[in-house]
Amino acid sequence: MKRKLLPLTLMLIAGLVTVIITFIRGYSIIYKLVSLLIVFLIFYFIGSVIVYFLDHFDKVNADAARAAVAEKDSEAGDAADGTAGQENG
């Protein structure tokens, strides 16, 4: 999944909504630009935090999956060793 574009997409959609609302309400150009800049910064930060947490959760899930596979392989190896020892003994 392409998460690199998530903050930019979120920021641009929020900016579009801001531009439409400020245009409809007839605010001055300075107010429009200042509010657009603030919205861009806030939503870029929010998008970056979301991407960070999603990447962190993926890393944690991948580590847990690797640990589960290693544990399963270890149990399978122990069971095979135990069975071989009983047959020989």
C-alpha atoms as a PDB file:
ATOM      1  CA  MET A   1       0.000   0.000   0.000  1.00  0.00           C
ATOM      2  CA  LYS A   2       1.369   3.411  -0.925  1.00  0.00           C
ATOM      3  CA  ARG A   3       1.430   5.299   2.328  1.00  0.00           C
ATOM      4  CA  LYS A   4       3.949   7.866   1.197  1.00  0.00           C
ATOM      5  CA  LEU A   5       1.194   9.795  -0.578  1.00  0.00           C
ATOM      6  CA  LEU A   6      -1.283   9.698   2.315  1.00  0.00           C
ATOM      7  CA  PRO A   7      -0.184  12.947   4.036  1.00  0.00           C
ATOM      8  CA  LEU A   8      -0.131  14.827   0.743  1.00  0.00           C
ATOM      9  CA  THR A   9      -3.542  13.540  -0.303  1.00  0.00           C
ATOM     10  CA  LEU A  10      -5.068  14.334   3.082  1.00  0.00           C
ATOM     11  CA  MET A  11      -3.510  17.796   3.024  1.00  0.00           C
ATOM     12  CA  LEU A  12      -4.763  18.587  -0.486  1.00  0.00           C
ATOM     13  CA  ILE A  13      -8.314  17.398   0.207  1.00  0.00           C
ATOM     14  CA  ALA A  14      -8.460  19.504   3.380  1.00  0.00           C
ATOM     15  CA  GLY A  15      -7.069  22.454   1.413  1.00  0.00           C
ATOM     16  CA  LEU A  16      -9.710  22.040  -1.273  1.00  0.00           C
ATOM     17  CA  VAL A  17     -12.466  22.044   1.345  1.00  0.00           C
ATOM     18  CA  THR A  18     -10.938  25.140   2.952  1.00  0.00           C
ATOM     19  CA  VAL A  19     -10.745  26.999  -0.358  1.00  0.00           C
ATOM     20  CA  ILE A  20     -14.357  26.160  -1.201  1.00  0.00           C
ATOM     21  CA  ILE A  21     -15.645  27.253   2.215  1.00  0.00           C
ATOM     22  CA  THR A  22     -13.652  30.510   2.259  1.00  0.00           C
ATOM     23  CA  PHE A  23     -14.740  31.287  -1.308  1.00  0.00           C
ATOM     24  CA  ILE A  24     -18.419  30.695  -0.570  1.00  0.00           C
ATOM     25  CA  ARG A  25     -18.311  32.832   2.574  1.00  0.00           C
ATOM     26  CA  GLY A  26     -16.478  35.634   0.736  1.00  0.00           C
ATOM     27  CA  TYR A  27     -13.446  36.013   2.999  1.00  0.00           C
ATOM     28  CA  SER A  28     -10.569  38.292   2.006  1.00  0.00           C
ATOM     29  CA  ILE A  29      -7.643  36.875   0.067  1.00  0.00           C
ATOM     30  CA  ILE A  30      -5.271  37.268   3.028  1.00  0.00           C
ATOM     31  CA  TYR A  31      -7.636  35.323   5.294  1.00  0.00           C
ATOM     32  CA  LYS A  32      -7.992  32.640   2.600  1.00  0.00           C
ATOM     33  CA  LEU A  33      -4.238  32.221   2.233  1.00  0.00           C
ATOM     34  CA  VAL A  34      -3.501  32.218   5.963  1.00  0.00           C
ATOM     35  CA  SER A  35      -6.231  29.687   6.675  1.00  0.00           C
ATOM     36  CA  LEU A  36      -5.061  27.544   3.742  1.00  0.00           C
ATOM     37  CA  LEU A  37      -1.485  27.544   5.036  1.00  0.00           C
ATOM     38  CA  ILE A  38      -2.606  26.599   8.540  1.00  0.00           C
ATOM     39  CA  VAL A  39      -4.842  23.799   7.204  1.00  0.00           C
ATOM     40  CA  PHE A  40      -2.009  22.487   5.017  1.00  0.00           C
ATOM     41  CA  LEU A  41       0.384  22.322   7.961  1.00  0.00           C
ATOM     42  CA  ILE A  42      -2.101  20.746  10.354  1.00  0.00           C
ATOM     43  CA  PHE A  43      -3.322  18.071   7.967  1.00  0.00           C
ATOM     44  CA  TYR A  44       0.179  17.248   6.692  1.00  0.00           C
ATOM     45  CA  PHE A  45       1.222  16.670  10.299  1.00  0.00           C
ATOM     46  CA  ILE A  46      -1.864  14.536  10.975  1.00  0.00           C
ATOM     47  CA  GLY A  47      -1.210  12.481   7.827  1.00  0.00           C
ATOM     48  CA  SER A  48       2.435  11.975   8.788  1.00  0.00           C
ATOM     49  CA  VAL A  49       1.433  10.766  12.256  1.00  0.00           C
ATOM     50  CA  ILE A  50      -1.080   8.337  10.730  1.00  0.00           C
ATOM     51  CA  VAL A  51       1.579   6.950   8.364  1.00  0.00           C
ATOM     52  CA  TYR A  52       4.042   6.603  11.250  1.00  0.00           C
ATOM     53  CA  PHE A  53       1.550   4.615  13.331  1.00  0.00           C
ATOM     54  CA  LEU A  54       0.511   2.407  10.398  1.00  0.00           C
ATOM     55  CA  ASP A  55       4.157   1.612   9.643  1.00  0.00           C
ATOM     56  CA  HIS A  56       4.802   0.918  13.319  1.00  0.00           C
ATOM     57  CA  PHE A  57       1.818  -1.448  13.540  1.00  0.00           C
ATOM     58  CA  ASP A  58       2.948  -3.259  10.383  1.00  0.00           C
ATOM     59  CA  LYS A  59       6.423  -3.690  11.867  1.00  0.00           C
ATOM     60  CA  VAL A  60       5.008  -5.034  15.141  1.00  0.00           C
ATOM     61  CA  ASN A  61       2.696  -7.430  13.269  1.00  0.00           C
ATOM     62  CA  ALA A  62       5.542  -8.645  11.033  1.00  0.00           C
ATOM     63  CA  ASP A  63       7.764  -9.254  14.074  1.00  0.00           C
ATOM     64  CA  ALA A  64       4.960 -11.159  15.805  1.00  0.00           C
ATOM     65  CA  ALA A  65       4.346 -13.253  12.698  1.00  0.00           C
ATOM     66  CA  ARG A  66       8.054 -14.077  12.428  1.00  0.00           C
ATOM     67  CA  ALA A  67       8.143 -15.025  16.103  1.00  0.00           C
ATOM     68  CA  ALA A  68       5.088 -17.255  15.661  1.00  0.00           C
ATOM     69  CA  VAL A  69       6.646 -18.982  12.641  1.00  0.00           C
ATOM     70  CA  ALA A  70       9.935 -19.452  14.486  1.00  0.00           C
ATOM     71  CA  GLU A  71       8.091 -20.852  17.501  1.00  0.00           C
ATOM     72  CA  LYS A  72       6.088 -23.203  15.301  1.00  0.00           C
ATOM     73  CA  ASP A  73       9.248 -24.387  13.536  1.00  0.00           C
ATOM     74  CA  SER A  74      10.923 -24.875  16.893  1.00  0.00           C
ATOM     75  CA  GLU A  75       7.997 -26.950  18.183  1.00  0.00           C
ATOM     76  CA  ALA A  76       7.944 -29.002  15.001  1.00  0.00           C
ATOM     77  CA  GLY A  77      11.683 -29.610  15.314  1.00  0.00           C
ATOM     78  CA  ASP A  78      11.350 -30.587  18.984  1.00  0.00           C
ATOM     79  CA  ALA A  79       8.505 -32.974  18.172  1.00  0.00           C
ATOM     80  CA  ALA A  80      10.512 -34.584  15.388  1.00  0.00           C
ATOM     81  CA  ASP A  81      13.543 -34.946  17.667  1.00  0.00           C
ATOM     82  CA  GLY A  82      11.429 -36.419  20.457  1.00  0.00           C
ATOM     83  CA  THR A  83       9.769 -38.927  18.128  1.00  0.00           C
ATOM     84  CA  ALA A  84      13.118 -39.990  16.685  1.00  0.00           C
ATOM     85  CA  GLY A  85      14.516 -40.502  20.184  1.00  0.00           C
ATOM     86  CA  GLN A  86      11.579 -42.704  21.189  1.00  0.00           C
ATOM     87  CA  GLU A  87      11.870 -44.882  18.095  1.00  0.00           C
ATOM     88  CA  ASN A  88      15.599 -45.414  18.616  1.00  0.00           C
ATOM     89  CA  GLY A  89      15.290 -45.917  22.362  1.00  0.00           C
END
